[in-house]
Amino acid sequence: MKKRCLKAAFLVAGLTAVMVYAEDGAEAIRAQRATSNEAIARHDVEAIQSFLDEDYVITISTGVIERSREEHGRSFAAHFAEYPDVVYVRTPEKITLSEAYPLAIESGTWVGTRTTHNGKLESGGEYTAAWRKTDNVWRIYSELFVALYCNGADC
């Protein structure tokens, strides 16, 4: 009986540690996402790139694939130059941490707004982001954005 109680205690302690790890990791990722949204709103390309891992890859909402942190930075810089009021907000709905590796997956919705030569445009959809924790910091190594709607004259 004593062994059974001891095993149960270790199991509860282990599950508690996993739950705390998951909650802490998910909160850290939510905080990183909020700060990256702020960097986009400021049009701060360097700050945007700081959330991305070295081998970052993204499929942007139009289906174009960008294969590096640097390429994505250049793309954002060009987008900011073309649309001075562009803003993208990504809202996490679910963050799941791997039980086996320092990895996590985030899924949620995104909305982008900007003014084109024909007026206001809003587009949005869903996204997933794969995160990796290295040197005690969560960074995005892969993202997929899918545009599911577009409102405005230039859609």
Protein backbone atom coordinates (compact mmCIF):
# COMPACT_ATOMS: atom_id res chain seq x y z
CA MET A 1 0.00 0.00 0.00
CA LYS A 2 2.85 2.37 0.88
CA LYS A 3 4.49 1.77 -2.54
CA ARG A 4 1.20 2.47 -4.30
CA CYS A 5 0.80 5.79 -2.43
CA LEU A 6 4.38 6.73 -3.23
CA LYS A 7 3.85 5.97 -6.94
CA ALA A 8 0.66 8.02 -6.94
CA ALA A 9 2.46 10.91 -5.27
CA PHE A 10 5.23 10.83 -7.91
CA LEU A 11 2.62 10.65 -10.67
CA VAL A 12 0.75 13.67 -9.29
CA ALA A 13 4.01 15.60 -8.86
CA GLY A 14 5.05 14.75 -12.42
CA LEU A 15 1.69 15.74 -13.88
CA THR A 16 1.74 18.97 -11.90
CA ALA A 17 5.20 19.78 -13.25
CA VAL A 18 4.03 19.11 -16.82
CA MET A 19 0.94 21.30 -16.31
CA VAL A 20 3.04 24.16 -14.88
CA TYR A 21 5.51 23.81 -17.79
CA ALA A 22 2.64 23.90 -20.28
CA GLU A 23 0.98 26.91 -18.63
CA ASP A 24 4.27 28.82 -18.35
CA GLY A 25 5.20 27.99 -21.95
CA ALA A 26 1.79 28.93 -23.31
CA GLU A 27 1.84 32.22 -21.40
CA ALA A 28 5.35 32.98 -22.66
CA ILE A 29 4.23 32.33 -26.24
CA ARG A 30 1.11 34.50 -25.77
CA ALA A 31 3.33 37.29 -24.47
CA GLN A 32 5.73 36.88 -27.42
CA ARG A 33 2.78 37.02 -29.84
CA ALA A 34 1.41 40.18 -28.23
CA THR A 35 4.82 41.85 -28.40
CA SER A 36 5.27 40.78 -32.04
CA ASN A 37 1.85 42.32 -32.85
CA GLU A 38 3.10 45.56 -31.28
CA ALA A 39 6.28 45.40 -33.41
CA ILE A 40 4.17 45.06 -36.55
CA ALA A 41 2.02 48.02 -35.50
CA ARG A 42 5.24 50.07 -35.07
CA HIS A 43 6.58 48.76 -38.41
CA ASP A 44 9.73 47.66 -36.57
CA VAL A 45 11.26 45.05 -38.88
CA GLU A 46 14.22 44.31 -36.60
CA ALA A 47 11.90 43.62 -33.66
CA ILE A 48 9.67 41.43 -35.85
CA GLN A 49 12.67 39.35 -36.89
CA SER A 50 13.75 38.92 -33.25
CA PHE A 51 10.80 36.54 -32.70
CA LEU A 52 11.90 34.29 -35.56
CA ASP A 53 14.32 31.38 -35.38
CA GLU A 54 17.32 31.20 -37.71
CA ASP A 55 15.75 28.60 -40.03
CA TYR A 56 12.35 30.35 -40.16
CA VAL A 57 9.94 29.67 -43.03
CA ILE A 58 6.48 31.11 -43.66
CA THR A 59 3.67 30.66 -46.12
CA ILE A 60 2.03 34.09 -46.21
CA SER A 61 -1.70 34.54 -46.68
CA THR A 62 -1.49 34.70 -50.48
CA GLY A 63 0.33 31.35 -50.65
CA VAL A 64 3.81 32.77 -51.27
CA ILE A 65 6.58 30.99 -49.33
CA GLU A 66 9.39 32.98 -47.72
CA ARG A 67 12.32 30.81 -46.70
CA SER A 68 14.29 32.85 -44.17
CA ARG A 69 14.03 35.36 -41.37
CA GLU A 70 15.85 37.87 -43.60
CA GLU A 71 13.53 37.36 -46.58
CA HIS A 72 10.51 37.82 -44.33
CA GLY A 73 12.03 41.03 -42.94
CA ARG A 74 12.57 42.40 -46.43
CA SER A 75 9.00 41.48 -47.35
CA PHE A 76 7.61 43.32 -44.31
CA ALA A 77 9.80 46.37 -45.03
CA ALA A 78 8.47 46.56 -48.60
CA HIS A 79 4.89 46.08 -47.37
CA PHE A 80 5.31 48.87 -44.79
CA ALA A 81 6.73 51.19 -47.47
CA GLU A 82 3.78 50.49 -49.79
CA TYR A 83 1.10 50.71 -47.08
CA PRO A 84 2.12 53.16 -44.32
CA ASP A 85 -0.92 52.31 -42.19
CA VAL A 86 -0.82 48.51 -42.51
CA VAL A 87 -1.39 46.56 -39.31
CA TYR A 88 -1.68 42.82 -38.71
CA VAL A 89 -3.01 41.34 -35.49
CA ARG A 90 -2.65 37.65 -34.77
CA THR A 91 -4.86 36.31 -31.97
CA PRO A 92 -3.91 32.93 -30.50
CA GLU A 93 -6.84 30.64 -29.78
CA LYS A 94 -4.92 27.50 -28.81
CA ILE A 95 -1.33 26.80 -27.79
CA THR A 96 -0.20 23.23 -27.24
CA LEU A 97 3.23 22.34 -25.87
CA SER A 98 4.97 19.12 -26.82
CA GLU A 99 5.39 16.66 -23.97
CA ALA A 100 8.52 15.25 -25.62
CA TYR A 101 10.44 18.22 -27.07
CA PRO A 102 10.87 21.96 -26.46
CA LEU A 103 8.28 22.66 -29.16
CA ALA A 104 4.80 24.14 -29.29
CA ILE A 105 2.09 24.81 -31.83
CA GLU A 106 -0.12 27.87 -31.82
CA SER A 107 -3.30 28.32 -33.83
CA GLY A 108 -5.57 31.29 -34.11
CA THR A 109 -7.01 34.00 -36.29
CA TRP A 110 -5.44 37.01 -37.96
CA VAL A 111 -6.71 40.32 -39.31
CA GLY A 112 -4.87 42.76 -41.52
CA THR A 113 -5.94 46.30 -42.40
CA ARG A 114 -4.46 48.86 -44.74
CA THR A 115 -5.39 51.69 -47.05
CA THR A 116 -4.87 51.09 -50.77
CA HIS A 117 -5.27 53.58 -53.61
CA ASN A 118 -8.94 52.48 -53.76
CA GLY A 119 -9.65 52.82 -50.04
CA LYS A 120 -9.68 50.68 -46.91
CA LEU A 121 -9.01 46.97 -47.15
CA GLU A 122 -9.39 44.30 -44.48
CA SER A 123 -8.40 40.68 -44.85
CA GLY A 124 -8.13 37.87 -42.39
CA GLY A 125 -8.19 34.19 -41.76
CA GLU A 126 -6.51 31.51 -39.73
CA TYR A 127 -2.89 30.69 -38.94
CA THR A 128 -0.67 28.16 -37.27
CA ALA A 129 2.77 28.81 -35.83
CA ALA A 130 5.38 26.28 -34.74
CA TRP A 131 7.57 27.43 -31.85
CA ARG A 132 10.89 26.10 -30.59
CA LYS A 133 12.52 26.91 -27.26
CA THR A 134 16.28 27.42 -27.51
CA ASP A 135 18.49 29.13 -24.97
CA ASN A 136 15.38 29.47 -22.78
CA VAL A 137 13.57 31.64 -25.39
CA TRP A 138 10.55 30.68 -27.50
CA ARG A 139 10.98 31.57 -31.20
CA ILE A 140 8.85 30.84 -34.25
CA TYR A 141 10.41 28.50 -36.79
CA SER A 142 7.42 28.01 -39.09
CA GLU A 143 4.14 29.78 -39.83
CA LEU A 144 1.22 29.21 -42.18
CA PHE A 145 -1.31 31.98 -42.80
CA VAL A 146 -4.43 31.38 -44.89
CA ALA A 147 -6.60 34.27 -46.07
CA LEU A 148 -10.26 33.32 -45.69
CA TYR A 149 -11.85 36.70 -46.41
CA CYS A 150 -11.10 40.08 -47.91
CA ASN A 151 -13.26 43.21 -47.75
CA GLY A 152 -12.48 46.27 -49.86
CA ALA A 153 -12.16 47.42 -53.43
CA ASP A 154 -8.74 45.83 -53.99
CA CYS A 155 -9.68 42.30 -52.96
